[in-house]
C-alpha atoms as a PDB file:
ATOM      1  CA  MET A   1       0.000   0.000   0.000  1.00  0.00           C
ATOM      2  CA  ARG A   2       1.263   3.457  -0.936  1.00  0.00           C
ATOM      3  CA  ILE A   3       1.089   6.338   1.570  1.00  0.00           C
ATOM      4  CA  LEU A   4       1.669  10.000   0.717  1.00  0.00           C
ATOM      5  CA  ALA A   5       2.818  12.039   3.740  1.00  0.00           C
ATOM      6  CA  ILE A   6       2.487  15.840   3.401  1.00  0.00           C
ATOM      7  CA  GLU A   7       4.192  17.464   6.390  1.00  0.00           C
ATOM      8  CA  ASP A   8       6.337  20.614   6.595  1.00  0.00           C
ATOM      9  CA  GLU A   9       8.413  19.500   9.612  1.00  0.00           C
ATOM     10  CA  SER A  10      11.244  17.472   8.075  1.00  0.00           C
ATOM     11  CA  ASP A  11      12.094  15.642  11.313  1.00  0.00           C
ATOM     12  CA  ILE A  12       8.520  14.379  11.671  1.00  0.00           C
ATOM     13  CA  LEU A  13       8.496  13.448   8.005  1.00  0.00           C
ATOM     14  CA  GLU A  14      11.647  11.349   8.351  1.00  0.00           C
ATOM     15  CA  ILE A  15      10.262   9.588  11.419  1.00  0.00           C
ATOM     16  CA  LEU A  16       7.055   8.784   9.530  1.00  0.00           C
ATOM     17  CA  ARG A  17       8.987   7.574   6.503  1.00  0.00           C
ATOM     18  CA  ALA A  18      11.265   5.291   8.516  1.00  0.00           C
ATOM     19  CA  PHE A  19       8.497   3.862  10.678  1.00  0.00           C
ATOM     20  CA  LEU A  20       5.913   3.261   7.948  1.00  0.00           C
ATOM     21  CA  THR A  21       8.521   1.788   5.604  1.00  0.00           C
ATOM     22  CA  SER A  22       9.456  -0.656   8.370  1.00  0.00           C
ATOM     23  CA  GLN A  23       5.768  -1.637   8.530  1.00  0.00           C
ATOM     24  CA  GLY A  24       5.735  -2.576   4.849  1.00  0.00           C
ATOM     25  CA  TYR A  25       4.268   0.581   3.306  1.00  0.00           C
ATOM     26  CA  GLU A  26       5.671   2.439   0.322  1.00  0.00           C
ATOM     27  CA  VAL A  27       6.027   6.038   1.518  1.00  0.00           C
ATOM     28  CA  ILE A  28       6.201   9.192  -0.606  1.00  0.00           C
ATOM     29  CA  THR A  29       6.909  12.442   1.234  1.00  0.00           C
ATOM     30  CA  THR A  30       6.757  16.169   0.563  1.00  0.00           C
ATOM     31  CA  THR A  31       6.877  19.334   2.664  1.00  0.00           C
ATOM     32  CA  SER A  32       4.471  21.641   0.793  1.00  0.00           C
ATOM     33  CA  GLY A  33       0.795  21.622  -0.085  1.00  0.00           C
ATOM     34  CA  ILE A  34       1.341  22.461  -3.764  1.00  0.00           C
ATOM     35  CA  GLU A  35       3.931  19.717  -4.224  1.00  0.00           C
ATOM     36  CA  GLY A  36       1.701  17.370  -2.236  1.00  0.00           C
ATOM     37  CA  LEU A  37      -1.132  17.844  -4.725  1.00  0.00           C
ATOM     38  CA  ARG A  38       1.231  17.214  -7.616  1.00  0.00           C
ATOM     39  CA  GLN A  39       2.461  14.016  -5.989  1.00  0.00           C
ATOM     40  CA  PHE A  40      -1.104  12.971  -5.209  1.00  0.00           C
ATOM     41  CA  THR A  41      -2.046  13.138  -8.893  1.00  0.00           C
ATOM     42  CA  GLU A  42       1.180  11.462  -9.997  1.00  0.00           C
ATOM     43  CA  VAL A  43       1.497   8.534  -7.562  1.00  0.00           C
ATOM     44  CA  GLU A  44      -2.218   7.861  -6.771  1.00  0.00           C
ATOM     45  CA  PRO A  45      -1.622   6.860  -3.124  1.00  0.00           C
ATOM     46  CA  ASP A  46      -3.858   4.510  -1.158  1.00  0.00           C
ATOM     47  CA  LEU A  47      -3.865   6.892   1.819  1.00  0.00           C
ATOM     48  CA  VAL A  48      -2.715  10.453   2.603  1.00  0.00           C
ATOM     49  CA  LEU A  49      -1.266  11.760   5.877  1.00  0.00           C
ATOM     50  CA  LEU A  50      -1.906  15.504   5.689  1.00  0.00           C
ATOM     51  CA  ASP A  51      -0.610  18.242   7.982  1.00  0.00           C
ATOM     52  CA  VAL A  52      -2.876  21.275   8.456  1.00  0.00           C
ATOM     53  CA  ILE A  53      -0.222  24.009   8.558  1.00  0.00           C
ATOM     54  CA  LEU A  54       1.693  23.895   5.259  1.00  0.00           C
ATOM     55  CA  PRO A  55       3.483  26.402   3.015  1.00  0.00           C
ATOM     56  CA  GLY A  56       1.873  27.270  -0.318  1.00  0.00           C
ATOM     57  CA  LYS A  57      -1.518  25.675   0.294  1.00  0.00           C
ATOM     58  CA  ASN A  58      -2.632  24.767   3.808  1.00  0.00           C
ATOM     59  CA  GLY A  59      -4.059  21.398   4.728  1.00  0.00           C
ATOM     60  CA  TRP A  60      -7.675  22.516   4.411  1.00  0.00           C
ATOM     61  CA  GLU A  61      -7.042  23.696   0.840  1.00  0.00           C
ATOM     62  CA  VAL A  62      -5.187  20.509  -0.037  1.00  0.00           C
ATOM     63  CA  LEU A  63      -7.968  18.363   1.441  1.00  0.00           C
ATOM     64  CA  LYS A  64     -10.576  20.279  -0.553  1.00  0.00           C
ATOM     65  CA  GLU A  65      -8.654  19.692  -3.783  1.00  0.00           C
ATOM     66  CA  ILE A  66      -8.088  16.001  -3.001  1.00  0.00           C
ATOM     67  CA  ARG A  67     -11.808  15.578  -2.380  1.00  0.00           C
ATOM     68  CA  ARG A  68     -12.557  17.309  -5.679  1.00  0.00           C
ATOM     69  CA  GLN A  69     -10.473  14.650  -7.428  1.00  0.00           C
ATOM     70  CA  SER A  70     -10.906  11.542  -5.306  1.00  0.00           C
ATOM     71  CA  ASP A  71     -12.137   9.892  -2.128  1.00  0.00           C
ATOM     72  CA  THR A  72      -8.745   8.453  -1.222  1.00  0.00           C
ATOM     73  CA  PRO A  73      -8.578   8.095   2.587  1.00  0.00           C
ATOM     74  CA  VAL A  74      -7.030  11.140   4.310  1.00  0.00           C
ATOM     75  CA  ILE A  75      -5.799  11.322   7.912  1.00  0.00           C
ATOM     76  CA  MET A  76      -5.168  14.878   9.137  1.00  0.00           C
ATOM     77  CA  LEU A  77      -2.099  15.573  11.302  1.00  0.00           C
ATOM     78  CA  THR A  78      -2.056  18.751  13.339  1.00  0.00           C
ATOM     79  CA  ALA A  79      -0.940  20.478  16.508  1.00  0.00           C
ATOM     80  CA  LEU A  80      -4.344  22.191  16.586  1.00  0.00           C
ATOM     81  CA  GLY A  81      -6.280  20.495  19.336  1.00  0.00           C
ATOM     82  CA  ARG A  82      -9.522  22.427  19.367  1.00  0.00           C
ATOM     83  CA  VAL A  83     -12.725  20.479  18.874  1.00  0.00           C
ATOM     84  CA  ASP A  84     -13.899  22.819  16.102  1.00  0.00           C
ATOM     85  CA  ASP A  85     -10.687  22.115  14.126  1.00  0.00           C
ATOM     86  CA  LYS A  86     -11.357  18.399  14.364  1.00  0.00           C
ATOM     87  CA  VAL A  87     -14.983  18.873  13.329  1.00  0.00           C
ATOM     88  CA  LYS A  88     -13.848  21.038  10.400  1.00  0.00           C
ATOM     89  CA  GLY A  89     -11.459  18.344   9.175  1.00  0.00           C
ATOM     90  CA  LEU A  90     -13.982  15.532   9.418  1.00  0.00           C
ATOM     91  CA  SER A  91     -16.801  17.588   7.903  1.00  0.00           C
ATOM     92  CA  GLN A  92     -14.601  18.487   4.922  1.00  0.00           C
ATOM     93  CA  GLY A  93     -13.970  14.843   4.139  1.00  0.00           C
ATOM     94  CA  ALA A  94     -11.052  13.687   6.301  1.00  0.00           C
ATOM     95  CA  ASP A  95     -11.326  10.065   7.422  1.00  0.00           C
ATOM     96  CA  ASP A  96      -9.504  10.574  10.719  1.00  0.00           C
ATOM     97  CA  TYR A  97      -7.711  13.285  12.705  1.00  0.00           C
ATOM     98  CA  ILE A  98      -4.563  12.821  14.808  1.00  0.00           C
ATOM     99  CA  LYS A  99      -3.185  15.487  17.152  1.00  0.00           C
ATOM    100  CA  LYS A 100       0.575  16.046  17.445  1.00  0.00           C
ATOM    101  CA  PRO A 101       2.596  14.798  19.145  1.00  0.00           C
ATOM    102  CA  PHE A 102       1.363  11.322  18.286  1.00  0.00           C
ATOM    103  CA  ASP A 103       2.434   7.809  19.209  1.00  0.00           C
ATOM    104  CA  LEU A 104       3.711   5.798  16.231  1.00  0.00           C
ATOM    105  CA  GLU A 105       1.831   2.674  17.268  1.00  0.00           C
ATOM    106  CA  GLU A 106      -1.369   4.705  17.458  1.00  0.00           C
ATOM    107  CA  MET A 107      -0.588   6.097  14.003  1.00  0.00           C
ATOM    108  CA  LYS A 108      -0.166   2.550  12.689  1.00  0.00           C
ATOM    109  CA  ALA A 109      -3.469   1.477  14.252  1.00  0.00           C
ATOM    110  CA  ARG A 110      -5.335   4.459  12.798  1.00  0.00           C
ATOM    111  CA  ILE A 111      -3.960   3.787   9.310  1.00  0.00           C
ATOM    112  CA  GLU A 112      -4.846   0.107   9.525  1.00  0.00           C
ATOM    113  CA  ALA A 113      -8.369   0.926  10.712  1.00  0.00           C
ATOM    114  CA  VAL A 114      -9.016   3.313   7.811  1.00  0.00           C
ATOM    115  CA  LEU A 115      -7.627   0.869   5.236  1.00  0.00           C
ATOM    116  CA  ARG A 116      -9.496  -2.035   6.844  1.00  0.00           C
ATOM    117  CA  ARG A 117     -12.830  -0.244   6.419  1.00  0.00           C
ATOM    118  CA  TYR A 118     -12.007   0.176   2.749  1.00  0.00           C
ATOM    119  CA  LYS A 119     -10.995  -3.481   2.264  1.00  0.00           C
ATOM    120  CA  THR A 120     -14.037  -4.792   4.145  1.00  0.00           C
ATOM    121  CA  GLN A 121     -16.382  -2.888   1.881  1.00  0.00           C
ATOM    122  CA  LEU A 122     -14.729  -4.338  -1.225  1.00  0.00           C
ATOM    123  CA  LYS A 123     -14.894  -7.910   0.087  1.00  0.00           C
ATOM    124  CA  GLN A 124     -18.650  -7.607   0.425  1.00  0.00           C
ATOM    125  CA  VAL A 125     -18.908  -7.673  -3.378  1.00  0.00           C
ATOM    126  CA  GLY A 126     -16.149 -10.277  -3.841  1.00  0.00           C
ATOM    127  CA  LEU A 127     -13.743  -7.702  -5.236  1.00  0.00           C
ATOM    128  CA  SER A 128     -10.024  -7.421  -4.468  1.00  0.00           C
ATOM    129  CA  ILE A 129      -7.599  -4.833  -5.864  1.00  0.00           C
ATOM    130  CA  ASP A 130      -3.811  -5.114  -5.678  1.00  0.00           C
ATOM    131  CA  ASP A 131      -2.774  -1.562  -6.522  1.00  0.00           C
ATOM    132  CA  VAL A 132       0.956  -2.313  -6.407  1.00  0.00           C
ATOM    133  CA  ARG A 133       0.682  -4.958  -9.123  1.00  0.00           C
ATOM    134  CA  LYS A 134      -2.351  -3.319 -10.767  1.00  0.00           C
ATOM    135  CA  GLN A 135      -4.267  -6.592 -10.514  1.00  0.00           C
ATOM    136  CA  VAL A 136      -7.977  -7.109  -9.930  1.00  0.00           C
ATOM    137  CA  PHE A 137      -9.694 -10.242  -8.651  1.00  0.00           C
ATOM    138  CA  VAL A 138     -13.401 -11.104  -8.608  1.00  0.00           C
ATOM    139  CA  GLN A 139     -14.320 -14.074  -6.437  1.00  0.00           C
ATOM    140  CA  GLY A 140     -10.628 -15.020  -6.480  1.00  0.00           C
ATOM    141  CA  GLU A 141     -10.337 -15.023 -10.276  1.00  0.00           C
ATOM    142  CA  THR A 142      -7.966 -12.606 -12.039  1.00  0.00           C
ATOM    143  CA  VAL A 143      -9.621 -10.018 -14.283  1.00  0.00           C
ATOM    144  CA  SER A 144      -7.606  -8.159 -16.917  1.00  0.00           C
ATOM    145  CA  LEU A 145      -8.500  -4.456 -17.172  1.00  0.00           C
ATOM    146  CA  SER A 146      -7.300  -1.678 -19.451  1.00  0.00           C
ATOM    147  CA  PRO A 147      -5.681   1.360 -17.748  1.00  0.00           C
ATOM    148  CA  LYS A 148      -8.890   3.410 -18.104  1.00  0.00           C
ATOM    149  CA  GLU A 149     -11.067   0.574 -16.792  1.00  0.00           C
ATOM    150  CA  TYR A 150      -8.688   0.147 -13.858  1.00  0.00           C
ATOM    151  CA  SER A 151      -8.727   3.891 -13.111  1.00  0.00           C
ATOM    152  CA  LEU A 152     -12.527   3.906 -13.100  1.00  0.00           C
ATOM    153  CA  LEU A 153     -12.683   0.915 -10.763  1.00  0.00           C
ATOM    154  CA  LYS A 154     -10.040   2.431  -8.470  1.00  0.00           C
ATOM    155  CA  LEU A 155     -12.051   5.655  -8.258  1.00  0.00           C
ATOM    156  CA  LEU A 156     -15.334   3.881  -7.464  1.00  0.00           C
ATOM    157  CA  SER A 157     -13.620   1.611  -4.932  1.00  0.00           C
ATOM    158  CA  SER A 158     -11.990   4.548  -3.145  1.00  0.00           C
ATOM    159  CA  LYS A 159     -15.365   5.083  -1.448  1.00  0.00           C
ATOM    160  CA  PRO A 160     -17.644   2.060  -1.900  1.00  0.00           C
ATOM    161  CA  GLY A 161     -21.278   3.136  -1.879  1.00  0.00           C
ATOM    162  CA  LYS A 162     -20.572   6.763  -2.779  1.00  0.00           C
ATOM    163  CA  VAL A 163     -22.205   7.975  -5.993  1.00  0.00           C
ATOM    164  CA  PHE A 164     -19.698   9.516  -8.411  1.00  0.00           C
ATOM    165  CA  SER A 165     -21.162  11.869 -10.981  1.00  0.00           C
ATOM    166  CA  SER A 166     -20.123  11.707 -14.621  1.00  0.00           C
ATOM    167  CA  GLN A 167     -18.315  15.018 -14.133  1.00  0.00           C
ATOM    168  CA  GLU A 168     -16.286  13.617 -11.216  1.00  0.00           C
ATOM    169  CA  ILE A 169     -15.370  10.562 -13.266  1.00  0.00           C
ATOM    170  CA  LEU A 170     -14.443  12.690 -16.287  1.00  0.00           C
ATOM    171  CA  ALA A 171     -12.181  14.855 -14.118  1.00  0.00           C
ATOM    172  CA  HIS A 172     -10.436  11.762 -12.775  1.00  0.00           C
ATOM    173  CA  LEU A 173     -10.082   9.718 -15.987  1.00  0.00           C
ATOM    174  CA  TRP A 174      -9.490  12.582 -18.414  1.00  0.00           C
ATOM    175  CA  PRO A 175      -8.176  15.469 -16.240  1.00  0.00           C
ATOM    176  CA  LYS A 176      -6.739  17.486 -19.154  1.00  0.00           C
ATOM    177  CA  SER A 177      -9.160  16.568 -21.933  1.00  0.00           C
ATOM    178  CA  THR A 178     -11.784  18.952 -23.293  1.00  0.00           C
ATOM    179  CA  TYR A 179     -13.216  16.300 -25.614  1.00  0.00           C
ATOM    180  CA  ALA A 180     -14.276  13.502 -23.249  1.00  0.00           C
ATOM    181  CA  THR A 181     -18.018  13.426 -22.495  1.00  0.00           C
ATOM    182  CA  SER A 182     -20.490  11.534 -20.335  1.00  0.00           C
ATOM    183  CA  GLN A 183     -20.790   9.045 -23.204  1.00  0.00           C
ATOM    184  CA  ASP A 184     -17.157   8.070 -22.589  1.00  0.00           C
ATOM    185  CA  VAL A 185     -18.035   7.449 -18.944  1.00  0.00           C
ATOM    186  CA  GLN A 186     -20.970   5.260 -20.002  1.00  0.00           C
ATOM    187  CA  LYS A 187     -18.696   3.352 -22.392  1.00  0.00           C
ATOM    188  CA  TYR A 188     -16.127   2.497 -19.714  1.00  0.00           C
ATOM    189  CA  ALA A 189     -18.768   1.650 -17.141  1.00  0.00           C
ATOM    190  CA  TYR A 190     -20.188  -0.787 -19.708  1.00  0.00           C
ATOM    191  CA  LEU A 191     -16.750  -2.278 -20.475  1.00  0.00           C
ATOM    192  CA  LEU A 192     -15.986  -2.621 -16.767  1.00  0.00           C
ATOM    193  CA  ARG A 193     -19.242  -4.443 -16.143  1.00  0.00           C
ATOM    194  CA  LYS A 194     -18.535  -6.873 -19.002  1.00  0.00           C
ATOM    195  CA  LYS A 195     -15.365  -7.932 -17.201  1.00  0.00           C
ATOM    196  CA  LEU A 196     -16.529  -7.836 -13.581  1.00  0.00           C
ATOM    197  CA  GLU A 197     -20.167  -8.893 -13.642  1.00  0.00           C
ATOM    198  CA  GLU A 198     -21.566 -12.384 -13.944  1.00  0.00           C
ATOM    199  CA  ASP A 199     -24.541 -10.844 -15.751  1.00  0.00           C
ATOM    200  CA  PRO A 200     -23.603  -7.360 -17.092  1.00  0.00           C
ATOM    201  CA  ALA A 201     -27.248  -6.635 -17.909  1.00  0.00           C
ATOM    202  CA  HIS A 202     -28.090  -6.998 -14.226  1.00  0.00           C
ATOM    203  CA  PRO A 203     -24.972  -5.651 -12.458  1.00  0.00           C
ATOM    204  CA  LYS A 204     -24.282  -6.343  -8.805  1.00  0.00           C
ATOM    205  CA  ILE A 205     -20.914  -4.574  -8.489  1.00  0.00           C
ATOM    206  CA  VAL A 206     -20.877  -1.416 -10.635  1.00  0.00           C
ATOM    207  CA  LEU A 207     -24.289   0.182 -10.217  1.00  0.00           C
ATOM    208  CA  THR A 208     -25.972   3.062 -12.037  1.00  0.00           C
ATOM    209  CA  VAL A 209     -27.824   5.599  -9.912  1.00  0.00           C
ATOM    210  CA  ARG A 210     -30.107   7.023 -12.540  1.00  0.00           C
ATOM    211  CA  GLY A 211     -29.784  10.773 -12.944  1.00  0.00           C
ATOM    212  CA  PHE A 212     -26.770  10.968 -10.592  1.00  0.00           C
ATOM    213  CA  GLY A 213     -23.908   8.690 -11.642  1.00  0.00           C
ATOM    214  CA  TYR A 214     -22.242   5.432 -10.651  1.00  0.00           C
ATOM    215  CA  ARG A 215     -21.293   3.690  -7.432  1.00  0.00           C
ATOM    216  CA  LEU A 216     -19.699   0.487  -6.231  1.00  0.00           C
ATOM    217  CA  ALA A 217     -22.118  -1.829  -4.434  1.00  0.00           C
ATOM    218  CA  VAL A 218     -21.587  -2.439  -0.708  1.00  0.00           C
END
């Protein structure tokens, strides 16, 4: 699993890198909000550790932009201990909130809990995604997906049950294109169902929410 840590205190960043790497995670680090967003788009992490006070763009701004692009799990890190700061983070889409200074074992437990919720939801539909190897399994059987099909599935699985609009999917799959349309989204949803569903005409994994978009069944 790949973790992106965005933290402006280099000593904390190095501690996080060393500890999480020792726990088997691939860790990408950066000290600024702007660079963090660039890395987020480039490396597509499985989870983000995000400091609130950052140069360039602060953590709230970075979180807002991440949520515009994706529902990748985000754990906020901050020295701000007020209840309203915690409420603000959670209400803006953070999955958890850890106050500095933090215990590394607690950090590990929080990360595992967030990722476990994600994995549990996927197992309910018999779906497993190995993002390191870019492999997908349905009921234990390997399914071969194109890069676009994989990106669509990864987006939907980032928040099982959440409805993603065609515009959200377009922004994720074709971030720089002015030519892609909702018909392209329909096409890839159809292709994904052909590979994942036992009966594509009656899908049980990739569902259409008429008038709103698509979601992964939970």
